[in-house]
Protein backbone atom coordinates (compact mmCIF):
# COMPACT_ATOMS: atom_id res chain seq x y z
CA MET A 1 100.57 -18.93 71.52
CA ILE A 2 96.75 -19.16 70.48
CA ASP A 3 96.30 -22.66 72.13
CA ARG A 4 97.88 -21.19 75.53
CA ILE A 5 95.62 -18.21 75.40
CA TRP A 6 92.54 -20.40 74.61
CA PHE A 7 93.22 -22.65 77.29
CA GLY A 8 93.73 -20.00 79.82
CA ALA A 9 90.42 -18.31 78.81
CA ALA A 10 88.64 -21.63 79.10
CA SER A 11 89.94 -22.22 82.49
CA ALA A 12 88.86 -18.84 83.71
CA VAL A 13 85.27 -19.22 82.05
CA LEU A 14 84.83 -22.78 83.79
CA ALA A 15 85.97 -21.40 86.93
CA MET A 16 83.53 -18.56 86.96
CA GLN A 17 80.67 -20.81 85.91
CA ALA A 18 81.37 -23.47 88.56
CA GLY A 19 80.79 -20.46 91.35
CA SER A 20 77.75 -18.96 89.39
CA GLN A 21 74.14 -19.40 89.83
CA ALA A 22 71.70 -20.94 87.02
CA TYR A 23 71.52 -19.35 83.85
CA ALA A 24 69.19 -19.02 81.15
CA GLN A 25 69.03 -21.58 78.25
CA SER A 26 71.42 -21.17 75.12
CA ALA A 27 70.69 -18.40 72.74
CA THR A 28 72.06 -18.56 69.02
CA VAL A 29 72.36 -15.55 66.60
CA VAL A 30 73.36 -15.86 63.23
CA ALA A 31 74.05 -12.89 60.97
CA VAL A 32 75.44 -11.43 57.81
CA GLU A 33 77.03 -8.10 56.95
CA ALA A 34 78.19 -5.93 54.04
CA THR A 35 80.65 -2.87 54.41
CA THR A 36 82.44 -0.33 52.33
CA ASP A 37 85.46 -1.27 54.12
CA GLU A 38 86.51 -3.93 56.89
CA THR A 39 87.95 -1.62 59.48
CA ARG A 40 89.14 -2.32 62.96
CA ARG A 41 90.82 0.00 65.29
CA GLY A 42 90.72 2.71 62.58
CA LEU A 43 92.70 0.43 59.96
CA SER A 44 91.56 -1.03 57.01
CA TRP A 45 91.72 -5.09 57.00
CA SER A 46 90.40 -5.28 53.44
CA GLY A 47 92.80 -3.02 51.47
CA GLY A 48 90.33 -0.20 51.33
CA LYS A 49 87.97 -2.34 49.49
CA ALA A 50 84.17 -3.42 50.40
CA SER A 51 83.91 -6.56 52.42
CA VAL A 52 81.16 -9.20 53.21
CA SER A 53 81.19 -11.24 56.47
CA GLY A 54 79.10 -13.84 58.55
CA ASP A 55 79.20 -14.69 61.89
CA ILE A 56 77.48 -16.92 64.59
CA SER A 57 77.49 -16.28 68.46
CA THR A 58 75.96 -18.27 71.24
CA ARG A 59 75.56 -18.08 74.79
CA ILE A 60 75.39 -21.48 77.15
CA GLY A 61 74.98 -20.37 80.73
CA PRO A 62 77.55 -17.85 81.42
CA VAL A 63 79.86 -19.10 78.41
CA GLU A 64 79.80 -17.04 75.29
CA ALA A 65 81.19 -18.26 71.96
CA SER A 66 81.51 -16.81 68.65
CA ALA A 67 82.94 -17.16 65.10
CA ARG A 68 83.05 -14.57 62.42
CA VAL A 69 84.39 -14.81 58.88
CA ALA A 70 85.34 -11.76 57.02
CA ALA A 71 86.67 -11.26 53.13
CA LEU A 72 90.03 -9.38 53.29
CA ARG A 73 90.16 -9.15 49.39
CA GLU A 74 93.98 -10.08 49.35
CA ALA A 75 94.89 -6.99 51.50
CA ALA A 76 98.54 -6.49 51.89
CA ARG A 77 98.30 -5.48 55.45
CA HIS A 78 97.81 -9.22 56.37
CA GLY A 79 100.19 -10.74 53.93
CA ASP A 80 97.65 -10.85 50.83
CA SER A 81 95.13 -12.94 52.82
CA ASP A 82 91.79 -13.68 51.46
CA ALA A 83 89.99 -14.05 54.53
CA VAL A 84 89.99 -14.05 58.29
CA ALA A 85 88.16 -15.98 61.05
CA ASP A 86 87.73 -14.49 64.40
CA LEU A 87 87.30 -17.21 67.03
CA SER A 88 86.20 -16.29 70.68
CA LEU A 89 85.33 -17.39 73.87
CA GLY A 90 84.48 -15.47 76.85
CA THR A 91 82.05 -14.80 79.64
CA ARG A 92 79.93 -11.83 80.83
CA PHE A 93 78.54 -11.12 84.36
CA ASP A 94 77.20 -8.33 86.60
CA VAL A 95 78.81 -7.06 89.69
CA SER A 96 76.62 -4.46 91.15
CA ALA A 97 76.06 -1.98 88.41
CA LEU A 98 78.97 -3.07 86.43
CA THR A 99 78.80 -5.53 83.52
CA LEU A 100 82.25 -7.42 83.34
CA GLY A 101 83.58 -9.22 80.46
CA LEU A 102 86.55 -11.59 79.69
CA LYS A 103 87.26 -12.85 76.29
CA ALA A 104 90.16 -14.75 74.43
CA THR A 105 90.15 -14.26 70.52
CA GLY A 106 92.26 -16.11 67.88
CA TYR A 107 92.66 -14.47 64.52
CA VAL A 108 93.27 -17.22 61.83
CA PHE A 109 94.04 -15.98 58.21
CA ALA A 110 93.63 -17.98 54.95
CA GLY A 111 95.46 -17.56 51.73
CA GLY A 112 98.11 -15.23 53.20
CA ARG A 113 101.84 -15.44 53.07
CA GLY A 114 104.25 -15.50 56.10
CA PRO A 115 103.13 -16.28 59.85
CA LEU A 116 99.83 -14.38 60.02
CA ASN A 117 97.81 -15.93 62.92
CA TYR A 118 97.78 -14.41 66.36
CA ALA A 119 95.73 -14.17 69.45
CA GLU A 120 94.77 -11.56 72.14
CA VAL A 121 92.79 -11.42 75.33
CA LEU A 122 90.16 -8.84 76.18
CA GLY A 123 88.85 -7.31 79.51
CA SER A 124 85.89 -5.03 79.52
CA ALA A 125 83.64 -3.14 82.03
CA GLY A 126 80.45 -1.31 81.01
CA TYR A 127 78.07 0.82 82.94
CA THR A 128 74.34 2.00 81.91
CA TYR A 129 72.67 5.24 82.63
CA GLY A 130 69.41 5.72 81.33
CA PRO A 131 69.63 5.32 77.41
CA VAL A 132 73.60 5.60 77.47
CA GLN A 133 75.89 2.76 77.76
CA PHE A 134 79.50 3.41 78.67
CA GLU A 135 82.20 0.85 78.24
CA LEU A 136 86.04 0.46 78.84
CA VAL A 137 88.06 -2.12 77.01
CA ALA A 138 91.55 -3.48 77.38
CA ALA A 139 92.93 -6.06 74.90
CA TYR A 140 96.17 -7.29 75.05
CA ALA A 141 98.10 -9.49 72.41
CA PRO A 142 101.29 -11.20 74.00
CA GLU A 143 104.61 -11.30 72.17
CA GLN A 144 103.90 -12.98 69.01
CA SER A 145 106.35 -13.06 65.73
CA ALA A 146 103.09 -12.70 63.60
CA ILE A 147 102.55 -9.32 64.87
CA GLY A 148 106.33 -8.11 65.22
CA GLY A 149 106.02 -7.82 69.13
CA ASP A 150 103.20 -7.32 71.54
CA ASN A 151 100.04 -5.04 71.46
CA LEU A 152 97.86 -3.22 74.09
CA TYR A 153 94.64 -1.66 72.74
CA LEU A 154 92.66 0.62 75.25
CA ARG A 155 89.16 2.04 74.07
CA ALA A 156 86.56 4.07 75.90
CA GLU A 157 83.03 4.03 74.14
CA ALA A 158 79.57 5.47 74.61
CA ILE A 159 76.45 4.37 72.80
CA ALA A 160 73.35 6.43 73.45
CA GLY A 161 69.94 5.52 71.93
CA ILE A 162 67.77 8.44 70.89
CA PRO A 163 64.40 8.17 72.73
CA SER A 164 61.54 7.25 70.67
CA THR A 165 63.45 6.76 67.55
CA PRO A 166 65.13 4.08 65.65
CA PHE A 167 68.59 5.82 66.01
CA THR A 168 71.53 5.10 68.13
CA VAL A 169 74.97 7.22 68.19
CA VAL A 170 78.02 5.97 68.79
CA ALA A 171 81.24 7.35 70.06
CA ALA A 172 84.52 5.66 70.81
CA LEU A 173 88.53 6.66 71.27
CA GLY A 174 91.13 4.11 71.22
CA ARG A 175 94.90 3.83 71.70
CA SER A 176 97.46 1.12 70.41
CA SER A 177 100.75 0.63 71.93
CA GLY A 178 103.49 -2.18 72.15
CA SER A 179 106.94 -3.37 71.35
CA ASP A 180 108.41 -3.91 67.99
CA ASP A 181 110.91 -6.53 66.99
CA GLY A 182 111.92 -4.88 63.68
CA SER A 183 110.63 -7.10 61.24
CA GLY A 184 108.02 -4.66 59.95
CA ARG A 185 105.04 -7.03 61.04
CA SER A 186 103.97 -4.68 63.64
CA ASN A 187 102.68 -2.57 60.74
CA ARG A 188 99.88 -4.93 60.65
CA VAL A 189 98.43 -3.92 63.91
CA ARG A 190 100.24 -0.69 64.56
CA PRO A 191 101.57 1.03 61.48
CA GLY A 192 104.21 3.48 62.25
CA GLY A 193 104.30 2.99 65.96
CA ASP A 194 101.95 3.91 68.65
CA TYR A 195 98.63 5.46 67.51
CA SER A 196 95.24 6.66 68.53
CA ASP A 197 91.82 5.87 66.61
CA TRP A 198 88.62 7.34 66.79
CA ARG A 199 85.06 6.50 65.64
CA LEU A 200 81.75 8.56 65.49
CA GLY A 201 78.39 6.74 63.89
CA VAL A 202 74.77 6.45 63.66
CA ASP A 203 72.90 3.22 63.50
CA TYR A 204 69.43 2.85 62.01
CA VAL A 205 67.95 -0.16 64.12
CA ARG A 206 64.87 -2.01 62.81
CA ARG A 207 65.59 -5.36 64.04
CA PRO A 208 66.77 -7.75 62.21
CA LEU A 209 68.18 -5.08 60.14
CA VAL A 210 70.92 -2.48 61.21
CA LEU A 211 72.11 0.24 58.71
CA THR A 212 75.30 2.19 60.02
CA VAL A 213 77.14 5.41 58.80
CA GLU A 214 80.40 6.14 60.65
CA TYR A 215 83.35 8.42 60.40
CA VAL A 216 86.68 6.79 61.50
CA GLY A 217 90.36 8.13 61.47
CA THR A 218 93.58 7.85 63.18
CA ASP A 219 96.78 9.78 63.91
CA THR A 220 99.24 7.23 62.56
CA ASN A 221 102.55 8.48 61.61
CA ASP A 222 103.33 7.35 57.86
CA ASP A 223 106.98 8.48 58.05
CA ALA A 224 107.71 6.26 60.69
CA ILE A 225 106.59 3.19 59.18
CA LEU A 226 109.18 0.43 58.90
CA PRO A 227 109.79 -1.29 55.67
CA GLY A 228 108.34 -4.63 55.01
CA ARG A 229 105.82 -6.46 52.80
CA TYR A 230 102.73 -5.96 55.21
CA ASP A 231 101.06 -2.71 53.72
CA ALA A 232 100.36 0.08 56.25
CA ARG A 233 98.17 2.17 53.95
CA HIS A 234 94.36 2.71 54.30
CA ASP A 235 94.54 4.01 57.72
CA GLY A 236 93.32 7.67 57.23
CA ASP A 237 90.10 9.76 58.03
CA ARG A 238 86.98 8.14 55.91
CA VAL A 239 83.31 7.66 56.05
CA LEU A 240 82.10 4.13 55.97
CA GLY A 241 78.71 2.51 55.47
CA ARG A 242 77.62 -1.05 56.76
CA VAL A 243 74.33 -3.21 56.54
CA ARG A 244 73.83 -6.14 58.78
CA TYR A 245 70.99 -8.52 59.24
CA ALA A 246 70.48 -11.05 61.82
CA PHE A 247 68.49 -14.61 61.47
């Protein structure tokens, strides 16, 4: 499944590149990060524990590629995995006042039990008005045994820089839905069934350093969680801290 998604994404990116005009030379960014909890879509991926990660991203013409490795601390949500690598390939381009994006990501887990690796494709549309950026995102993971079905994630996000200050405010609301094959593995991405998540944060930006404090939460239904070995805890409201340094 991961191979098919990556092949489709690469074909789409190359087709866009063939019909595009000249682009700037490549740019590469390497960064490290520490957080009080590796949280994604309101769910802890590190068992509620602190985590560290490293990532690298590069752009060559219209093609963007990135890799990120994060410590999961033997989190039961992902079969007691020690770490996860996010491997992404995509493109981003402007159409009138909109910035559109297309990306495929494979999630590769290390040290865990059972079928764990899965992939998804993501499309985005962004618009900037003054100091505020708006973005709509749709991410779809086709049916895969590793996540006990398929999964659709929709998110609306707003990012506003406060003029004449190093502070940026971020607010986002997301919704996860999908099918469930009854194996319990859907708890990894959708504990208790369909749910919403939210995030409200403040970034202090002094390049190359970024400090973040954010409040995250979900409306997951713990009473509806199917039994299984994939932990579905660490999904409630909480405040997180994060430090990021880019080289």
